[in-house]
Amino acid sequence: MALSYQKEDGSDLQLVAKIDNANIVLHLLKTISFRETATVCASANGLKVTVEEGKTLQANAFIQAEFFQDYHIKEEVLTFKINLWVLVECLSIFGSRSSPGMSAALKLMYNGHGSPLVLLLEEGGAVTDCKIVTRDACESLDFNFSSDRVVNKLIMRSECLREVFSELDQSSAFLSFHITTSPANLRLSTSGNYGVVQTDIPGDSEMIETFKCSSATSHSYRMSLLHTTFKALAAAQKVSLRVDERGFMCLQFMIKAEGNEIAFVEFFCCPEEELMD
């Protein structure tokens, strides 16, 4: 990618990242674009883009440093807020005009507090320059979700969960997850215009790779919150579902991006009991 950018005074930028296929970044950001504003956290490990729904839901898309052909950061951590919808729109500039098998190259630059996020997109010799205003980032929600508090962990093929979600009553305000040990089973149930609808997925199903349950649990979550995960679910190959002792749920989606890179998008969701409290 023959793109270059330098401040007029010649000083180095705080963050520079280059990738030959901008669609990888675009693909991941679209899965969490259910809100306008996102927080970007850059570190040596790469970029974490966070979107939140009040105090009830948090989504994180991870774009590892290894995805980029060139990745340099001068600070230990850089954080800023940005309009995610504008960022997605900028990354989509060449999308409708791209020839089959072609994708735009991207150079992403940021020079710290108060600076815009600069995007340089190049495809077939055509270059587009985008500058997006950034704001100071507020502290993100901390769901205090730790592995030592997890009581249920399931890893399954994504098509299994997609099929189940499509069969549930979407008029229901809540979706309940019941996980039991004897027998090992995941039951999803709704109660809406069509009465009670429930689907069971046995722990020994070929769709489930891992089923660990140290304690039977039953928790409900707002259907509107779970709807925000559907784009990630549609793009994922596998899904990890974890529930901690408080009923907080983490859905982690393994997504194979273009070029066979493996990326992860995760959602933390509060149970209805917590919302009522």
Protein backbone atom coordinates (compact mmCIF):
# COMPACT_ATOMS: atom_id res chain seq x y z
CA MET A 1 0.00 0.00 0.00
CA ALA A 2 1.66 3.18 -1.19
CA LEU A 3 -0.17 5.50 1.18
CA SER A 4 1.68 7.97 3.37
CA TYR A 5 0.73 10.67 5.83
CA GLN A 6 2.73 12.90 8.15
CA LYS A 7 1.91 15.93 10.20
CA GLU A 8 2.89 19.18 8.56
CA ASP A 9 5.50 19.80 11.26
CA GLY A 10 7.05 16.39 10.51
CA SER A 11 6.46 14.87 13.95
CA ASP A 12 5.43 11.26 14.33
CA LEU A 13 1.82 10.29 14.85
CA GLN A 14 0.59 8.57 18.01
CA LEU A 15 -1.05 5.73 16.08
CA VAL A 16 -0.54 4.45 12.55
CA ALA A 17 -2.09 1.24 11.25
CA LYS A 18 -2.05 -0.06 7.68
CA ILE A 19 -4.07 -2.95 6.28
CA ASP A 20 -4.33 -4.13 2.69
CA ASN A 21 -7.97 -5.17 3.05
CA ALA A 22 -10.22 -2.55 4.67
CA ASN A 23 -13.16 -4.96 4.43
CA ILE A 24 -11.78 -6.87 7.42
CA VAL A 25 -12.19 -3.81 9.64
CA LEU A 26 -15.53 -2.87 8.07
CA HIS A 27 -16.90 -6.40 8.50
CA LEU A 28 -16.19 -6.41 12.23
CA LEU A 29 -17.44 -2.89 12.93
CA LYS A 30 -20.76 -3.60 11.23
CA THR A 31 -21.49 -6.36 13.74
CA ILE A 32 -21.60 -3.83 16.60
CA SER A 33 -23.02 -0.79 14.80
CA PHE A 34 -26.33 -0.78 16.69
CA ARG A 35 -25.47 2.57 18.32
CA GLU A 36 -24.09 5.77 16.83
CA THR A 37 -21.20 6.35 19.23
CA ALA A 38 -18.32 3.99 19.97
CA THR A 39 -15.20 4.12 22.11
CA VAL A 40 -11.91 3.11 20.51
CA CYS A 41 -9.14 1.80 22.74
CA ALA A 42 -5.78 1.30 21.00
CA SER A 43 -2.91 -0.61 22.59
CA ALA A 44 0.01 -2.74 21.49
CA ASN A 45 -2.44 -5.63 21.11
CA GLY A 46 -4.54 -3.79 18.53
CA LEU A 47 -7.86 -1.97 18.55
CA LYS A 48 -10.87 -2.62 20.75
CA VAL A 49 -14.06 -0.86 19.67
CA THR A 50 -16.79 -0.70 22.32
CA VAL A 51 -20.49 0.13 21.99
CA GLU A 52 -22.87 0.27 24.96
CA GLU A 53 -26.63 0.26 25.47
CA GLY A 54 -27.27 2.13 28.71
CA LYS A 55 -25.96 0.08 31.61
CA THR A 56 -27.40 -3.17 30.32
CA LEU A 57 -25.31 -4.20 27.32
CA GLN A 58 -21.76 -3.86 26.10
CA ALA A 59 -20.34 -5.02 22.75
CA ASN A 60 -16.63 -5.23 21.94
CA ALA A 61 -15.03 -5.86 18.56
CA PHE A 62 -11.36 -6.80 18.62
CA ILE A 63 -9.11 -5.97 15.68
CA GLN A 64 -5.79 -7.55 16.59
CA ALA A 65 -2.51 -5.86 15.71
CA GLU A 66 -1.61 -8.97 13.68
CA PHE A 67 -4.36 -8.14 11.20
CA PHE A 68 -2.44 -5.06 10.08
CA GLN A 69 0.58 -5.16 7.79
CA ASP A 70 1.98 -2.21 9.75
CA TYR A 71 0.92 -1.19 13.26
CA HIS A 72 2.68 1.42 15.44
CA ILE A 73 1.51 3.06 18.66
CA LYS A 74 3.60 5.46 20.75
CA GLU A 75 1.50 5.44 23.93
CA GLU A 76 0.65 2.46 26.11
CA VAL A 77 -3.06 3.15 25.59
CA LEU A 78 -4.98 5.64 23.45
CA THR A 79 -8.74 6.05 23.88
CA PHE A 80 -11.27 8.27 22.15
CA LYS A 81 -14.93 8.39 21.18
CA ILE A 82 -16.03 8.45 17.57
CA ASN A 83 -19.18 8.38 15.48
CA LEU A 84 -19.27 4.71 14.52
CA TRP A 85 -21.87 5.17 11.79
CA VAL A 86 -19.68 7.77 10.06
CA LEU A 87 -16.65 5.48 10.39
CA VAL A 88 -18.56 2.57 8.82
CA GLU A 89 -19.81 4.83 6.02
CA CYS A 90 -16.26 6.02 5.26
CA LEU A 91 -14.94 2.47 5.18
CA SER A 92 -17.76 1.56 2.78
CA ILE A 93 -16.85 4.25 0.21
CA PHE A 94 -15.35 1.81 -2.29
CA GLY A 95 -17.70 -1.04 -1.41
CA SER A 96 -20.33 -0.48 -4.09
CA ARG A 97 -17.72 0.25 -6.77
CA SER A 98 -15.22 -2.51 -6.01
CA SER A 99 -14.48 -5.06 -8.69
CA PRO A 100 -14.84 -8.75 -7.74
CA GLY A 101 -11.83 -9.90 -5.76
CA MET A 102 -10.66 -6.35 -5.06
CA SER A 103 -10.71 -4.43 -1.80
CA ALA A 104 -9.52 -1.03 -0.67
CA ALA A 105 -6.31 -0.61 1.30
CA LEU A 106 -6.59 1.41 4.50
CA LYS A 107 -4.19 3.59 6.44
CA LEU A 108 -5.55 4.74 9.80
CA MET A 109 -3.90 7.57 11.74
CA TYR A 110 -4.48 9.35 15.05
CA ASN A 111 -2.31 11.90 16.82
CA GLY A 112 -3.73 11.95 20.31
CA HIS A 113 -6.11 14.12 22.32
CA GLY A 114 -8.21 16.47 20.20
CA SER A 115 -6.98 15.11 16.88
CA PRO A 116 -9.28 13.65 14.23
CA LEU A 117 -9.09 10.03 13.16
CA VAL A 118 -7.67 10.13 9.63
CA LEU A 119 -8.46 7.43 7.10
CA LEU A 120 -6.73 7.03 3.76
CA LEU A 121 -8.44 4.54 1.46
CA GLU A 122 -6.88 3.46 -1.82
CA GLU A 123 -8.18 1.20 -4.55
CA GLY A 124 -6.97 0.96 -8.12
CA GLY A 125 -5.04 4.22 -7.84
CA ALA A 126 -8.00 6.21 -6.47
CA VAL A 127 -7.39 7.65 -3.00
CA THR A 128 -9.98 8.99 -0.56
CA ASP A 129 -9.06 11.02 2.52
CA CYS A 130 -11.50 11.05 5.46
CA LYS A 131 -11.14 12.92 8.75
CA ILE A 132 -13.53 12.04 11.56
CA VAL A 133 -13.88 14.17 14.69
CA THR A 134 -12.99 12.43 17.96
CA ARG A 135 -14.03 13.23 21.52
CA ASP A 136 -12.72 12.35 24.94
CA ALA A 137 -13.75 8.87 25.99
CA CYS A 138 -15.79 8.25 29.12
CA GLU A 139 -15.07 5.26 31.31
CA SER A 140 -16.63 2.10 29.90
CA LEU A 141 -18.93 -0.17 31.87
CA ASP A 142 -17.23 -2.82 33.95
CA PHE A 143 -19.40 -5.93 34.17
CA ASN A 144 -16.85 -7.57 36.46
CA PHE A 145 -17.16 -10.74 34.41
CA SER A 146 -14.34 -13.07 35.45
CA SER A 147 -13.69 -16.70 34.54
CA ASP A 148 -13.63 -17.85 38.17
CA ARG A 149 -17.26 -16.77 38.56
CA VAL A 150 -18.52 -18.55 35.43
CA VAL A 151 -20.87 -21.44 36.23
CA ASN A 152 -21.94 -22.37 32.68
CA LYS A 153 -19.89 -22.47 29.49
CA LEU A 154 -21.09 -23.73 26.12
CA ILE A 155 -19.33 -23.59 22.76
CA MET A 156 -21.50 -24.35 19.77
CA ARG A 157 -21.67 -23.95 16.02
CA SER A 158 -23.30 -20.65 15.16
CA GLU A 159 -25.86 -22.14 12.78
CA CYS A 160 -27.35 -23.97 15.76
CA LEU A 161 -28.10 -20.74 17.62
CA ARG A 162 -29.22 -18.96 14.42
CA GLU A 163 -31.79 -21.66 13.77
CA VAL A 164 -33.07 -21.60 17.34
CA PHE A 165 -33.39 -17.81 17.40
CA SER A 166 -35.33 -17.86 14.12
CA GLU A 167 -37.90 -20.26 15.61
CA LEU A 168 -38.58 -18.32 18.81
CA ASP A 169 -41.49 -15.92 19.22
CA GLN A 170 -40.03 -12.51 18.41
CA SER A 171 -43.05 -10.79 20.00
CA SER A 172 -41.82 -11.93 23.41
CA ALA A 173 -40.24 -9.22 25.56
CA PHE A 174 -37.76 -11.67 27.07
CA LEU A 175 -35.70 -14.69 26.12
CA SER A 176 -34.95 -17.18 28.86
CA PHE A 177 -31.90 -19.44 29.03
CA HIS A 178 -32.24 -22.57 31.16
CA ILE A 179 -29.05 -24.63 31.54
CA THR A 180 -29.16 -27.93 33.43
CA THR A 181 -26.73 -30.71 34.29
CA SER A 182 -29.05 -33.73 34.58
CA PRO A 183 -29.65 -34.05 31.77
CA ALA A 184 -27.09 -31.73 30.17
CA ASN A 185 -29.34 -29.37 28.27
CA LEU A 186 -29.78 -25.80 27.04
CA ARG A 187 -33.39 -24.67 26.79
CA LEU A 188 -34.36 -21.34 25.23
CA SER A 189 -37.92 -20.16 25.79
CA THR A 190 -40.13 -17.19 25.01
CA SER A 191 -43.64 -16.16 26.01
CA GLY A 192 -45.45 -13.91 23.56
CA ASN A 193 -48.38 -13.72 21.15
CA TYR A 194 -48.07 -17.41 20.32
CA GLY A 195 -47.90 -18.58 23.91
CA VAL A 196 -44.84 -20.30 25.33
CA VAL A 197 -42.30 -21.44 22.73
CA GLN A 198 -39.26 -23.41 23.82
CA THR A 199 -36.41 -25.24 22.14
CA ASP A 200 -34.04 -27.75 23.75
CA ILE A 201 -30.43 -28.35 22.69
CA PRO A 202 -29.00 -31.46 24.38
CA GLY A 203 -25.48 -31.16 25.73
CA ASP A 204 -24.38 -34.13 23.63
CA SER A 205 -25.74 -32.62 20.39
CA GLU A 206 -23.31 -32.61 17.47
CA MET A 207 -23.87 -28.86 17.32
CA ILE A 208 -22.30 -28.37 20.78
CA GLU A 209 -18.53 -28.72 21.11
CA THR A 210 -18.27 -27.93 24.83
CA PHE A 211 -20.87 -28.18 27.58
CA LYS A 212 -19.75 -27.30 31.11
CA CYS A 213 -22.32 -26.72 33.80
CA SER A 214 -21.33 -26.59 37.48
CA SER A 215 -24.72 -25.28 38.57
CA ALA A 216 -28.16 -25.27 36.93
CA THR A 217 -29.21 -21.73 36.02
CA SER A 218 -32.30 -20.00 34.65
CA HIS A 219 -32.18 -16.34 33.63
CA SER A 220 -34.12 -14.06 31.31
CA TYR A 221 -32.78 -11.28 29.09
CA ARG A 222 -34.54 -8.56 27.16
CA MET A 223 -35.15 -9.66 23.58
CA SER A 224 -34.31 -6.13 22.40
CA LEU A 225 -30.81 -6.51 23.85
CA LEU A 226 -30.25 -9.89 22.24
CA HIS A 227 -31.35 -8.50 18.86
CA THR A 228 -28.14 -6.45 18.85
CA THR A 229 -26.12 -9.68 18.62
CA PHE A 230 -27.80 -10.92 15.43
CA LYS A 231 -25.32 -9.34 12.98
CA ALA A 232 -22.40 -10.92 14.83
CA LEU A 233 -24.23 -14.24 14.98
CA ALA A 234 -24.89 -14.13 11.22
CA ALA A 235 -21.16 -13.62 10.55
CA ALA A 236 -19.81 -16.10 13.11
CA GLN A 237 -18.64 -19.69 12.75
CA LYS A 238 -18.75 -20.51 16.46
CA VAL A 239 -20.37 -19.04 19.56
CA SER A 240 -19.19 -19.23 23.16
CA LEU A 241 -21.95 -18.72 25.73
CA ARG A 242 -20.93 -18.13 29.34
CA VAL A 243 -23.07 -17.31 32.38
CA ASP A 244 -21.66 -16.26 35.72
CA GLU A 245 -23.11 -16.83 39.18
CA ARG A 246 -25.03 -13.51 39.03
CA GLY A 247 -26.71 -14.39 35.72
CA PHE A 248 -24.65 -12.01 33.60
CA MET A 249 -24.13 -13.52 30.16
CA CYS A 250 -21.23 -13.19 27.74
CA LEU A 251 -21.74 -14.19 24.12
CA GLN A 252 -18.45 -14.37 22.23
CA PHE A 253 -18.54 -14.83 18.46
CA MET A 254 -15.63 -16.27 16.47
CA ILE A 255 -15.64 -14.66 13.04
CA LYS A 256 -13.44 -15.70 10.13
CA ALA A 257 -12.61 -12.51 8.28
CA GLU A 258 -11.44 -12.22 4.67
CA GLY A 259 -7.98 -13.76 4.41
CA ASN A 260 -8.91 -16.39 7.03
CA GLU A 261 -7.98 -14.17 9.97
CA ILE A 262 -9.88 -15.13 13.11
CA ALA A 263 -11.52 -12.25 14.96
CA PHE A 264 -13.72 -12.05 18.02
CA VAL A 265 -16.75 -9.97 18.93
CA GLU A 266 -18.27 -10.24 22.40
CA PHE A 267 -21.45 -9.03 24.07
CA PHE A 268 -22.06 -8.70 27.81
CA CYS A 269 -25.71 -8.68 28.81
CA CYS A 270 -27.45 -8.03 32.15
CA PRO A 271 -30.19 -10.45 33.26
CA GLU A 272 -33.71 -9.17 33.76
CA GLU A 273 -33.39 -9.71 37.52
CA GLU A 274 -30.51 -7.22 37.62
CA LEU A 275 -32.48 -4.67 35.59
CA MET A 276 -35.42 -4.92 37.99
CA ASP A 277 -33.16 -4.45 40.99
